[in-house]
Amino acid sequence: MPLPPYFPTRAHLLLCTAPRCARAGSRELFDEAWQALEARRLAYYAGGGSVRLTESGCLGACDHGPTLACYARSSEGLVESWYDHVDLPLVMDVAERAHRAEALPSERRFGPR
């Protein structure tokens, strides 16, 4: 049996789509972000892309959703960044900076620094 395809990634974005974040629009945001990642060829399976976007269960910041967690590789190793009240421009800023291995944005960032 052949092995499944492997697509290297530079960043993994987890967008909470649990009930409270969904009420804040996270499911629609997920669809918009996925389309934007594909259109900008940042999606991990696209030629040159390196960003993976995944729907997540509760990330524990229910009053501050939609919530996004980002795990990105950098020259310093794995960087963990969490964001609250995310919208499409912020998701794309995080994705583009992670793709280019740049410092992630500080806007609406909380958690590990």
PDB file of N, CA and C in Angstrom:
ATOM      1  N   MET A   1       0.843  -1.174   0.000  1.00  0.00           N
ATOM      2  CA  MET A   1       0.000   0.000   0.000  1.00  0.00           C
ATOM      3  C   MET A   1       0.894   1.245   0.000  1.00  0.00           C
ATOM      4  N   PRO A   2       0.644   2.198  -0.904  1.00  0.00           N
ATOM      5  CA  PRO A   2       1.488   3.397  -0.948  1.00  0.00           C
ATOM      6  C   PRO A   2       1.232   4.302   0.256  1.00  0.00           C
ATOM      7  N   LEU A   3       2.262   5.048   0.608  1.00  0.00           N
ATOM      8  CA  LEU A   3       2.139   5.995   1.713  1.00  0.00           C
ATOM      9  C   LEU A   3       1.314   7.210   1.275  1.00  0.00           C
ATOM     10  N   PRO A   4       0.615   7.852   2.222  1.00  0.00           N
ATOM     11  CA  PRO A   4      -0.135   9.055   1.859  1.00  0.00           C
ATOM     12  C   PRO A   4       0.835  10.179   1.520  1.00  0.00           C
ATOM     13  N   PRO A   5       0.384  11.179   0.753  1.00  0.00           N
ATOM     14  CA  PRO A   5       1.288  12.285   0.426  1.00  0.00           C
ATOM     15  C   PRO A   5       1.642  13.076   1.679  1.00  0.00           C
ATOM     16  N   TYR A   6       2.852  13.572   1.705  1.00  0.00           N
ATOM     17  CA  TYR A   6       3.304  14.403   2.821  1.00  0.00           C
ATOM     18  C   TYR A   6       3.543  15.814   2.295  1.00  0.00           C
ATOM     19  N   PHE A   7       2.942  16.793   2.952  1.00  0.00           N
ATOM     20  CA  PHE A   7       3.103  18.184   2.573  1.00  0.00           C
ATOM     21  C   PHE A   7       3.774  18.913   3.732  1.00  0.00           C
ATOM     22  N   PRO A   8       5.023  19.341   3.567  1.00  0.00           N
ATOM     23  CA  PRO A   8       5.692  20.040   4.661  1.00  0.00           C
ATOM     24  C   PRO A   8       4.983  21.349   4.992  1.00  0.00           C
ATOM     25  N   THR A   9       4.967  21.696   6.256  1.00  0.00           N
ATOM     26  CA  THR A   9       4.318  22.930   6.688  1.00  0.00           C
ATOM     27  C   THR A   9       5.280  23.765   7.519  1.00  0.00           C
ATOM     28  N   ARG A  10       5.062  25.064   7.472  1.00  0.00           N
ATOM     29  CA  ARG A  10       5.828  25.981   8.303  1.00  0.00           C
ATOM     30  C   ARG A  10       4.986  26.424   9.484  1.00  0.00           C
ATOM     31  N   ALA A  11       3.650  26.377   9.308  1.00  0.00           N
ATOM     32  CA  ALA A  11       2.767  26.830  10.386  1.00  0.00           C
ATOM     33  C   ALA A  11       1.473  26.031  10.372  1.00  0.00           C
ATOM     34  N   HIS A  12       0.932  25.855  11.570  1.00  0.00           N
ATOM     35  CA  HIS A  12      -0.365  25.207  11.731  1.00  0.00           C
ATOM     36  C   HIS A  12      -1.253  26.174  12.504  1.00  0.00           C
ATOM     37  N   LEU A  13      -2.339  26.587  11.871  1.00  0.00           N
ATOM     38  CA  LEU A  13      -3.309  27.483  12.491  1.00  0.00           C
ATOM     39  C   LEU A  13      -4.518  26.667  12.914  1.00  0.00           C
ATOM     40  N   LEU A  14      -4.920  26.821  14.169  1.00  0.00           N
ATOM     41  CA  LEU A  14      -6.088  26.128  14.699  1.00  0.00           C
ATOM     42  C   LEU A  14      -7.125  27.182  15.050  1.00  0.00           C
ATOM     43  N   LEU A  15      -8.254  27.148  14.363  1.00  0.00           N
ATOM     44  CA  LEU A  15      -9.319  28.116  14.593  1.00  0.00           C
ATOM     45  C   LEU A  15     -10.456  27.421  15.333  1.00  0.00           C
ATOM     46  N   CYS A  16     -10.785  27.947  16.502  1.00  0.00           N
ATOM     47  CA  CYS A  16     -11.847  27.348  17.304  1.00  0.00           C
ATOM     48  C   CYS A  16     -13.182  27.491  16.588  1.00  0.00           C
ATOM     49  N   THR A  17     -13.891  26.382  16.450  1.00  0.00           N
ATOM     50  CA  THR A  17     -15.247  26.402  15.884  1.00  0.00           C
ATOM     51  C   THR A  17     -16.230  25.758  16.856  1.00  0.00           C
ATOM     52  N   ALA A  18     -15.856  25.743  18.146  1.00  0.00           N
ATOM     53  CA  ALA A  18     -16.765  25.247  19.182  1.00  0.00           C
ATOM     54  C   ALA A  18     -17.959  26.203  19.286  1.00  0.00           C
ATOM     55  N   PRO A  19     -19.030  25.810  19.970  1.00  0.00           N
ATOM     56  CA  PRO A  19     -20.279  26.578  19.936  1.00  0.00           C
ATOM     57  C   PRO A  19     -20.161  28.080  20.201  1.00  0.00           C
ATOM     58  N   ARG A  20     -19.431  28.490  21.226  1.00  0.00           N
ATOM     59  CA  ARG A  20     -19.398  29.928  21.522  1.00  0.00           C
ATOM     60  C   ARG A  20     -18.608  30.706  20.473  1.00  0.00           C
ATOM     61  N   CYS A  21     -17.523  30.164  19.990  1.00  0.00           N
ATOM     62  CA  CYS A  21     -16.783  30.828  18.915  1.00  0.00           C
ATOM     63  C   CYS A  21     -17.586  30.789  17.609  1.00  0.00           C
ATOM     64  N   ALA A  22     -18.314  29.695  17.396  1.00  0.00           N
ATOM     65  CA  ALA A  22     -19.156  29.611  16.205  1.00  0.00           C
ATOM     66  C   ALA A  22     -20.219  30.706  16.223  1.00  0.00           C
ATOM     67  N   ARG A  23     -20.782  30.991  17.391  1.00  0.00           N
ATOM     68  CA  ARG A  23     -21.766  32.080  17.490  1.00  0.00           C
ATOM     69  C   ARG A  23     -21.123  33.435  17.185  1.00  0.00           C
ATOM     70  N   ALA A  24     -19.818  33.527  17.382  1.00  0.00           N
ATOM     71  CA  ALA A  24     -19.091  34.764  17.075  1.00  0.00           C
ATOM     72  C   ALA A  24     -18.608  34.784  15.622  1.00  0.00           C
ATOM     73  N   GLY A  25     -18.975  33.767  14.838  1.00  0.00           N
ATOM     74  CA  GLY A  25     -18.676  33.769  13.406  1.00  0.00           C
ATOM     75  C   GLY A  25     -17.485  32.944  12.974  1.00  0.00           C
ATOM     76  N   SER A  26     -16.992  32.058  13.830  1.00  0.00           N
ATOM     77  CA  SER A  26     -15.774  31.328  13.480  1.00  0.00           C
ATOM     78  C   SER A  26     -15.952  30.339  12.327  1.00  0.00           C
ATOM     79  N   ARG A  27     -17.122  29.769  12.176  1.00  0.00           N
ATOM     80  CA  ARG A  27     -17.305  28.816  11.062  1.00  0.00           C
ATOM     81  C   ARG A  27     -17.230  29.536   9.712  1.00  0.00           C
ATOM     82  N   GLU A  28     -17.863  30.699   9.627  1.00  0.00           N
ATOM     83  CA  GLU A  28     -17.789  31.492   8.396  1.00  0.00           C
ATOM     84  C   GLU A  28     -16.355  31.982   8.170  1.00  0.00           C
ATOM     85  N   LEU A  29     -15.701  32.384   9.267  1.00  0.00           N
ATOM     86  CA  LEU A  29     -14.320  32.839   9.181  1.00  0.00           C
ATOM     87  C   LEU A  29     -13.415  31.719   8.687  1.00  0.00           C
ATOM     88  N   PHE A  30     -13.636  30.503   9.151  1.00  0.00           N
ATOM     89  CA  PHE A  30     -12.837  29.369   8.693  1.00  0.00           C
ATOM     90  C   PHE A  30     -12.956  29.218   7.175  1.00  0.00           C
ATOM     91  N   ASP A  31     -14.185  29.262   6.667  1.00  0.00           N
ATOM     92  CA  ASP A  31     -14.393  29.118   5.218  1.00  0.00           C
ATOM     93  C   ASP A  31     -13.712  30.244   4.445  1.00  0.00           C
ATOM     94  N   GLU A  32     -13.844  31.479   4.928  1.00  0.00           N
ATOM     95  CA  GLU A  32     -13.216  32.626   4.266  1.00  0.00           C
ATOM     96  C   GLU A  32     -11.691  32.510   4.306  1.00  0.00           C
ATOM     97  N   ALA A  33     -11.160  32.111   5.442  1.00  0.00           N
ATOM     98  CA  ALA A  33      -9.706  31.982   5.577  1.00  0.00           C
ATOM     99  C   ALA A  33      -9.176  30.883   4.670  1.00  0.00           C
ATOM    100  N   TRP A  34      -9.890  29.779   4.601  1.00  0.00           N
ATOM    101  CA  TRP A  34      -9.455  28.675   3.739  1.00  0.00           C
ATOM    102  C   TRP A  34      -9.404  29.129   2.282  1.00  0.00           C
ATOM    103  N   GLN A  35     -10.440  29.836   1.844  1.00  0.00           N
ATOM    104  CA  GLN A  35     -10.470  30.332   0.462  1.00  0.00           C
ATOM    105  C   GLN A  35      -9.333  31.322   0.214  1.00  0.00           C
ATOM    106  N   ALA A  36      -9.065  32.197   1.183  1.00  0.00           N
ATOM    107  CA  ALA A  36      -7.997  33.178   1.029  1.00  0.00           C
ATOM    108  C   ALA A  36      -6.626  32.503   0.998  1.00  0.00           C
ATOM    109  N   LEU A  37      -6.417  31.488   1.842  1.00  0.00           N
ATOM    110  CA  LEU A  37      -5.144  30.756   1.826  1.00  0.00           C
ATOM    111  C   LEU A  37      -4.926  30.093   0.470  1.00  0.00           C
ATOM    112  N   GLU A  38      -5.981  29.518  -0.069  1.00  0.00           N
ATOM    113  CA  GLU A  38      -5.872  28.892  -1.384  1.00  0.00           C
ATOM    114  C   GLU A  38      -5.599  29.929  -2.465  1.00  0.00           C
ATOM    115  N   ALA A  39      -6.348  31.037  -2.432  1.00  0.00           N
ATOM    116  CA  ALA A  39      -6.190  32.070  -3.450  1.00  0.00           C
ATOM    117  C   ALA A  39      -4.785  32.669  -3.444  1.00  0.00           C
ATOM    118  N   ARG A  40      -4.190  32.805  -2.263  1.00  0.00           N
ATOM    119  CA  ARG A  40      -2.848  33.383  -2.153  1.00  0.00           C
ATOM    120  C   ARG A  40      -1.755  32.315  -2.210  1.00  0.00           C
ATOM    121  N   ARG A  41      -2.162  31.084  -2.458  1.00  0.00           N
ATOM    122  CA  ARG A  41      -1.246  29.943  -2.572  1.00  0.00           C
ATOM    123  C   ARG A  41      -0.398  29.752  -1.319  1.00  0.00           C
ATOM    124  N   LEU A  42      -1.019  29.999  -0.168  1.00  0.00           N
ATOM    125  CA  LEU A  42      -0.363  29.768   1.111  1.00  0.00           C
ATOM    126  C   LEU A  42      -0.742  28.416   1.702  1.00  0.00           C
ATOM    127  N   ALA A  43      -1.822  27.804   1.197  1.00  0.00           N
ATOM    128  CA  ALA A  43      -2.281  26.511   1.711  1.00  0.00           C
ATOM    129  C   ALA A  43      -1.169  25.477   1.525  1.00  0.00           C
ATOM    130  N   TYR A  44      -0.974  24.633   2.517  1.00  0.00           N
ATOM    131  CA  TYR A  44       0.155  23.707   2.574  1.00  0.00           C
ATOM    132  C   TYR A  44       0.287  22.804   1.363  1.00  0.00           C
ATOM    133  N   TYR A  45      -0.792  22.476   0.693  1.00  0.00           N
ATOM    134  CA  TYR A  45      -0.708  21.551  -0.431  1.00  0.00           C
ATOM    135  C   TYR A  45      -0.546  22.279  -1.758  1.00  0.00           C
ATOM    136  N   ALA A  46      -0.646  23.614  -1.744  1.00  0.00           N
ATOM    137  CA  ALA A  46      -0.478  24.392  -2.973  1.00  0.00           C
ATOM    138  C   ALA A  46       1.012  24.539  -3.264  1.00  0.00           C
ATOM    139  N   GLY A  47       1.355  24.674  -4.520  1.00  0.00           N
ATOM    140  CA  GLY A  47       2.751  24.873  -4.872  1.00  0.00           C
ATOM    141  C   GLY A  47       3.323  26.083  -4.150  1.00  0.00           C
ATOM    142  N   GLY A  48       4.309  25.870  -3.301  1.00  0.00           N
ATOM    143  CA  GLY A  48       4.929  26.953  -2.561  1.00  0.00           C
ATOM    144  C   GLY A  48       4.259  27.289  -1.239  1.00  0.00           C
ATOM    145  N   GLY A  49       3.098  26.720  -0.965  1.00  0.00           N
ATOM    146  CA  GLY A  49       2.380  26.994   0.278  1.00  0.00           C
ATOM    147  C   GLY A  49       2.962  26.225   1.453  1.00  0.00           C
ATOM    148  N   SER A  50       2.705  26.745   2.665  1.00  0.00           N
ATOM    149  CA  SER A  50       3.271  26.073   3.838  1.00  0.00           C
ATOM    150  C   SER A  50       2.413  26.232   5.091  1.00  0.00           C
ATOM    151  N   VAL A  51       1.167  26.688   4.937  1.00  0.00           N
ATOM    152  CA  VAL A  51       0.312  26.951   6.094  1.00  0.00           C
ATOM    153  C   VAL A  51      -0.860  25.972   6.107  1.00  0.00           C
ATOM    154  N   ARG A  52      -1.049  25.341   7.242  1.00  0.00           N
ATOM    155  CA  ARG A  52      -2.150  24.402   7.439  1.00  0.00           C
ATOM    156  C   ARG A  52      -3.188  25.075   8.338  1.00  0.00           C
ATOM    157  N   LEU A  53      -4.451  25.027   7.955  1.00  0.00           N
ATOM    158  CA  LEU A  53      -5.555  25.580   8.746  1.00  0.00           C
ATOM    159  C   LEU A  53      -6.473  24.435   9.135  1.00  0.00           C
ATOM    160  N   THR A  54      -6.770  24.348  10.427  1.00  0.00           N
ATOM    161  CA  THR A  54      -7.597  23.270  10.944  1.00  0.00           C
ATOM    162  C   THR A  54      -8.669  23.832  11.857  1.00  0.00           C
ATOM    163  N   GLU A  55      -9.877  23.291  11.740  1.00  0.00           N
ATOM    164  CA  GLU A  55     -10.921  23.620  12.707  1.00  0.00           C
ATOM    165  C   GLU A  55     -10.543  22.963  14.026  1.00  0.00           C
ATOM    166  N   SER A  56     -10.774  23.680  15.114  1.00  0.00           N
ATOM    167  CA  SER A  56     -10.429  23.162  16.428  1.00  0.00           C
ATOM    168  C   SER A  56     -11.651  23.148  17.323  1.00  0.00           C
ATOM    169  N   GLY A  57     -11.615  22.258  18.294  1.00  0.00           N
ATOM    170  CA  GLY A  57     -12.591  22.320  19.367  1.00  0.00           C
ATOM    171  C   GLY A  57     -12.232  23.485  20.275  1.00  0.00           C
ATOM    172  N   CYS A  58     -12.864  23.546  21.414  1.00  0.00           N
ATOM    173  CA  CYS A  58     -12.695  24.672  22.334  1.00  0.00           C
ATOM    174  C   CYS A  58     -11.230  24.883  22.708  1.00  0.00           C
ATOM    175  N   LEU A  59     -10.788  26.137  22.586  1.00  0.00           N
ATOM    176  CA  LEU A  59      -9.439  26.519  22.976  1.00  0.00           C
ATOM    177  C   LEU A  59      -9.421  27.227  24.328  1.00  0.00           C
ATOM    178  N   GLY A  60     -10.592  27.326  24.962  1.00  0.00           N
ATOM    179  CA  GLY A  60     -10.669  27.810  26.335  1.00  0.00           C
ATOM    180  C   GLY A  60     -10.769  29.306  26.533  1.00  0.00           C
ATOM    181  N   ALA A  61     -10.914  30.063  25.473  1.00  0.00           N
ATOM    182  CA  ALA A  61     -11.054  31.522  25.604  1.00  0.00           C
ATOM    183  C   ALA A  61     -12.436  31.927  25.082  1.00  0.00           C
ATOM    184  N   CYS A  62     -13.446  31.263  25.592  1.00  0.00           N
ATOM    185  CA  CYS A  62     -14.797  31.342  25.044  1.00  0.00           C
ATOM    186  C   CYS A  62     -15.382  32.758  24.993  1.00  0.00           C
ATOM    187  N   ASP A  63     -15.051  33.605  25.947  1.00  0.00           N
ATOM    188  CA  ASP A  63     -15.593  34.964  25.955  1.00  0.00           C
ATOM    189  C   ASP A  63     -14.839  35.887  25.017  1.00  0.00           C
ATOM    190  N   HIS A  64     -13.821  35.396  24.354  1.00  0.00           N
ATOM    191  CA  HIS A  64     -12.963  36.241  23.533  1.00  0.00           C
ATOM    192  C   HIS A  64     -12.843  35.736  22.102  1.00  0.00           C
ATOM    193  N   GLY A  65     -13.784  34.950  21.661  1.00  0.00           N
ATOM    194  CA  GLY A  65     -13.698  34.322  20.350  1.00  0.00           C
ATOM    195  C   GLY A  65     -14.146  35.221  19.220  1.00  0.00           C
ATOM    196  N   PRO A  66     -13.884  34.774  18.031  1.00  0.00           N
ATOM    197  CA  PRO A  66     -13.166  33.560  17.666  1.00  0.00           C
ATOM    198  C   PRO A  66     -11.706  33.599  18.124  1.00  0.00           C
ATOM    199  N   THR A  67     -11.220  32.424  18.489  1.00  0.00           N
ATOM    200  CA  THR A  67      -9.860  32.268  18.988  1.00  0.00           C
ATOM    201  C   THR A  67      -9.033  31.478  17.981  1.00  0.00           C
ATOM    202  N   LEU A  68      -7.782  31.901  17.816  1.00  0.00           N
ATOM    203  CA  LEU A  68      -6.858  31.256  16.890  1.00  0.00           C
ATOM    204  C   LEU A  68      -5.582  30.898  17.640  1.00  0.00           C
ATOM    205  N   ALA A  69      -5.117  29.673  17.468  1.00  0.00           N
ATOM    206  CA  ALA A  69      -3.806  29.264  17.973  1.00  0.00           C
ATOM    207  C   ALA A  69      -2.918  29.008  16.769  1.00  0.00           C
ATOM    208  N   CYS A  70      -1.690  29.483  16.849  1.00  0.00           N
ATOM    209  CA  CYS A  70      -0.731  29.298  15.759  1.00  0.00           C
ATOM    210  C   CYS A  70       0.528  28.652  16.314  1.00  0.00           C
ATOM    211  N   TYR A  71       0.959  27.593  15.656  1.00  0.00           N
ATOM    212  CA  TYR A  71       2.239  26.950  15.962  1.00  0.00           C
ATOM    213  C   TYR A  71       3.081  27.074  14.695  1.00  0.00           C
ATOM    214  N   ALA A  72       4.154  27.868  14.791  1.00  0.00           N
ATOM    215  CA  ALA A  72       4.963  28.158  13.611  1.00  0.00           C
ATOM    216  C   ALA A  72       6.425  27.832  13.864  1.00  0.00           C
ATOM    217  N   ARG A  73       7.084  27.341  12.829  1.00  0.00           N
ATOM    218  CA  ARG A  73       8.522  27.090  12.905  1.00  0.00           C
ATOM    219  C   ARG A  73       9.263  28.377  12.587  1.00  0.00           C
ATOM    220  N   SER A  74      10.294  28.647  13.340  1.00  0.00           N
ATOM    221  CA  SER A  74      11.130  29.817  13.090  1.00  0.00           C
ATOM    222  C   SER A  74      12.574  29.436  13.365  1.00  0.00           C
ATOM    223  N   SER A  75      13.466  30.396  13.181  1.00  0.00           N
ATOM    224  CA  SER A  75      14.882  30.127  13.460  1.00  0.00           C
ATOM    225  C   SER A  75      15.111  29.825  14.937  1.00  0.00           C
ATOM    226  N   GLU A  76      14.160  30.247  15.804  1.00  0.00           N
ATOM    227  CA  GLU A  76      14.265  29.988  17.243  1.00  0.00           C
ATOM    228  C   GLU A  76      13.591  28.688  17.653  1.00  0.00           C
ATOM    229  N   GLY A  77      13.036  27.967  16.709  1.00  0.00           N
ATOM    230  CA  GLY A  77      12.310  26.743  17.017  1.00  0.00           C
ATOM    231  C   GLY A  77      10.820  26.941  16.824  1.00  0.00           C
ATOM    232  N   LEU A  78      10.042  26.226  17.595  1.00  0.00           N
ATOM    233  CA  LEU A  78       8.587  26.306  17.484  1.00  0.00           C
ATOM    234  C   LEU A  78       8.064  27.489  18.289  1.00  0.00           C
ATOM    235  N   VAL A  79       7.286  28.343  17.631  1.00  0.00           N
ATOM    236  CA  VAL A  79       6.692  29.510  18.272  1.00  0.00           C
ATOM    237  C   VAL A  79       5.203  29.251  18.421  1.00  0.00           C
ATOM    238  N   GLU A  80       4.687  29.456  19.613  1.00  0.00           N
ATOM    239  CA  GLU A  80       3.263  29.272  19.910  1.00  0.00           C
ATOM    240  C   GLU A  80       2.648  30.652  20.147  1.00  0.00           C
ATOM    241  N   SER A  81       1.607  30.986  19.391  1.00  0.00           N
ATOM    242  CA  SER A  81       0.934  32.280  19.523  1.00  0.00           C
ATOM    243  C   SER A  81      -0.570  32.065  19.542  1.00  0.00           C
ATOM    244  N   TRP A  82      -1.258  32.755  20.435  1.00  0.00           N
ATOM    245  CA  TRP A  82      -2.707  32.660  20.537  1.00  0.00           C
ATOM    246  C   TRP A  82      -3.295  34.052  20.333  1.00  0.00           C
ATOM    247  N   TYR A  83      -4.451  34.111  19.669  1.00  0.00           N
ATOM    248  CA  TYR A  83      -5.090  35.383  19.327  1.00  0.00           C
ATOM    249  C   TYR A  83      -6.574  35.318  19.676  1.00  0.00           C
ATOM    250  N   ASP A  84      -7.104  36.475  20.122  1.00  0.00           N
ATOM    251  CA  ASP A  84      -8.535  36.544  20.435  1.00  0.00           C
ATOM    252  C   ASP A  84      -9.234  37.501  19.483  1.00  0.00           C
ATOM    253  N   HIS A  85     -10.556  37.382  19.413  1.00  0.00           N
ATOM    254  CA  HIS A  85     -11.393  38.232  18.555  1.00  0.00           C
ATOM    255  C   HIS A  85     -10.824  38.317  17.132  1.00  0.00           C
ATOM    256  N   VAL A  86     -10.430  37.182  16.572  1.00  0.00           N
ATOM    257  CA  VAL A  86      -9.793  37.197  15.261  1.00  0.00           C
ATOM    258  C   VAL A  86     -10.797  37.466  14.148  1.00  0.00           C
ATOM    259  N   ASP A  87     -10.289  38.077  13.101  1.00  0.00           N
ATOM    260  CA  ASP A  87     -11.054  38.321  11.885  1.00  0.00           C
ATOM    261  C   ASP A  87     -10.160  37.903  10.711  1.00  0.00           C
ATOM    262  N   LEU A  88     -10.679  38.000   9.499  1.00  0.00           N
ATOM    263  CA  LEU A  88      -9.926  37.531   8.338  1.00  0.00           C
ATOM    264  C   LEU A  88      -8.597  38.275   8.159  1.00  0.00           C
ATOM    265  N   PRO A  89      -8.555  39.608   8.278  1.00  0.00           N
ATOM    266  CA  PRO A  89      -7.248  40.268   8.116  1.00  0.00           C
ATOM    267  C   PRO A  89      -6.200  39.768   9.112  1.00  0.00           C
ATOM    268  N   LEU A  90      -6.591  39.511  10.349  1.00  0.00           N
ATOM    269  CA  LEU A  90      -5.624  39.025  11.335  1.00  0.00           C
ATOM    270  C   LEU A  90      -5.188  37.601  11.010  1.00  0.00           C
ATOM    271  N   VAL A  91      -6.120  36.739  10.661  1.00  0.00           N
ATOM    272  CA  VAL A  91      -5.758  35.360  10.299  1.00  0.00           C
ATOM    273  C   VAL A  91      -4.761  35.375   9.141  1.00  0.00           C
ATOM    274  N   MET A  92      -5.020  36.203   8.144  1.00  0.00           N
ATOM    275  CA  MET A  92      -4.143  36.233   6.987  1.00  0.00           C
ATOM    276  C   MET A  92      -2.793  36.863   7.322  1.00  0.00           C
ATOM    277  N   ASP A  93      -2.767  37.843   8.205  1.00  0.00           N
ATOM    278  CA  ASP A  93      -1.499  38.430   8.636  1.00  0.00           C
ATOM    279  C   ASP A  93      -0.651  37.376   9.340  1.00  0.00           C
ATOM    280  N   VAL A  94      -1.271  36.622  10.239  1.00  0.00           N
ATOM    281  CA  VAL A  94      -0.559  35.544  10.933  1.00  0.00           C
ATOM    282  C   VAL A  94      -0.050  34.522   9.916  1.00  0.00           C
ATOM    283  N   ALA A  95      -0.906  34.109   8.990  1.00  0.00           N
ATOM    284  CA  ALA A  95      -0.537  33.094   7.999  1.00  0.00           C
ATOM    285  C   ALA A  95       0.608  33.566   7.109  1.00  0.00           C
ATOM    286  N   GLU A  96       0.523  34.795   6.621  1.00  0.00           N
ATOM    287  CA  GLU A  96       1.556  35.296   5.718  1.00  0.00           C
ATOM    288  C   GLU A  96       2.895  35.454   6.430  1.00  0.00           C
ATOM    289  N   ARG A  97       2.862  35.968   7.658  1.00  0.00           N
ATOM    290  CA  ARG A  97       4.117  36.117   8.402  1.00  0.00           C
ATOM    291  C   ARG A  97       4.720  34.756   8.743  1.00  0.00           C
ATOM    292  N   ALA A  98       3.886  33.808   9.120  1.00  0.00           N
ATOM    293  CA  ALA A  98       4.382  32.463   9.425  1.00  0.00           C
ATOM    294  C   ALA A  98       4.976  31.823   8.177  1.00  0.00           C
ATOM    295  N   HIS A  99       4.313  31.998   7.054  1.00  0.00           N
ATOM    296  CA  HIS A  99       4.799  31.442   5.787  1.00  0.00           C
ATOM    297  C   HIS A  99       6.184  31.996   5.446  1.00  0.00           C
ATOM    298  N   ARG A 100       6.394  33.279   5.719  1.00  0.00           N
ATOM    299  CA  ARG A 100       7.682  33.920   5.421  1.00  0.00           C
ATOM    300  C   ARG A 100       8.687  33.769   6.564  1.00  0.00           C
ATOM    301  N   ALA A 101       8.296  33.041   7.629  1.00  0.00           N
ATOM    302  CA  ALA A 101       9.144  32.838   8.820  1.00  0.00           C
ATOM    303  C   ALA A 101       9.524  34.169   9.459  1.00  0.00           C
ATOM    304  N   GLU A 102       8.574  35.102   9.493  1.00  0.00           N
ATOM    305  CA  GLU A 102       8.775  36.400  10.132  1.00  0.00           C
ATOM    306  C   GLU A 102       8.161  36.378  11.530  1.00  0.00           C
ATOM    307  N   ALA A 103       8.472  37.407  12.308  1.00  0.00           N
ATOM    308  CA  ALA A 103       7.859  37.542  13.631  1.00  0.00           C
ATOM    309  C   ALA A 103       6.343  37.654  13.471  1.00  0.00           C
ATOM    310  N   LEU A 104       5.625  36.934  14.320  1.00  0.00           N
ATOM    311  CA  LEU A 104       4.168  36.946  14.243  1.00  0.00           C
ATOM    312  C   LEU A 104       3.622  38.235  14.846  1.00  0.00           C
ATOM    313  N   PRO A 105       2.432  38.660  14.402  1.00  0.00           N
ATOM    314  CA  PRO A 105       1.886  39.930  14.891  1.00  0.00           C
ATOM    315  C   PRO A 105       1.578  39.898  16.389  1.00  0.00           C
ATOM    316  N   SER A 106       1.667  41.052  17.018  1.00  0.00           N
ATOM    317  CA  SER A 106       1.358  41.153  18.437  1.00  0.00           C
ATOM    318  C   SER A 106      -0.088  41.597  18.664  1.00  0.00           C
ATOM    319  N   GLU A 107      -0.735  42.099  17.627  1.00  0.00           N
ATOM    320  CA  GLU A 107      -2.130  42.549  17.725  1.00  0.00           C
ATOM    321  C   GLU A 107      -3.031  41.407  18.210  1.00  0.00           C
ATOM    322  N   ARG A 108      -3.764  41.657  19.286  1.00  0.00           N
ATOM    323  CA  ARG A 108      -4.724  40.720  19.879  1.00  0.00           C
ATOM    324  C   ARG A 108      -4.084  39.398  20.299  1.00  0.00           C
ATOM    325  N   ARG A 109      -2.800  39.389  20.534  1.00  0.00           N
ATOM    326  CA  ARG A 109      -2.090  38.173  20.939  1.00  0.00           C
ATOM    327  C   ARG A 109      -2.168  38.030  22.465  1.00  0.00           C
ATOM    328  N   PHE A 110      -2.338  36.804  22.917  1.00  0.00           N
ATOM    329  CA  PHE A 110      -2.318  36.510  24.353  1.00  0.00           C
ATOM    330  C   PHE A 110      -1.639  35.169  24.541  1.00  0.00           C
ATOM    331  N   GLY A 111      -1.436  34.793  25.797  1.00  0.00           N
ATOM    332  CA  GLY A 111      -0.837  33.486  26.066  1.00  0.00           C
ATOM    333  C   GLY A 111       0.669  33.510  25.965  1.00  0.00           C
ATOM    334  N   PRO A 112       1.283  32.400  25.561  1.00  0.00           N
ATOM    335  CA  PRO A 112       2.744  32.296  25.545  1.00  0.00           C
ATOM    336  C   PRO A 112       3.378  33.382  24.682  1.00  0.00           C
ATOM    337  N   ARG A 113       4.479  33.901  25.145  1.00  0.00           N
ATOM    338  CA  ARG A 113       5.211  34.927  24.380  1.00  0.00           C
ATOM    339  C   ARG A 113       6.602  34.432  24.071  1.00  0.00           C
TER     340      ARG A 113
END
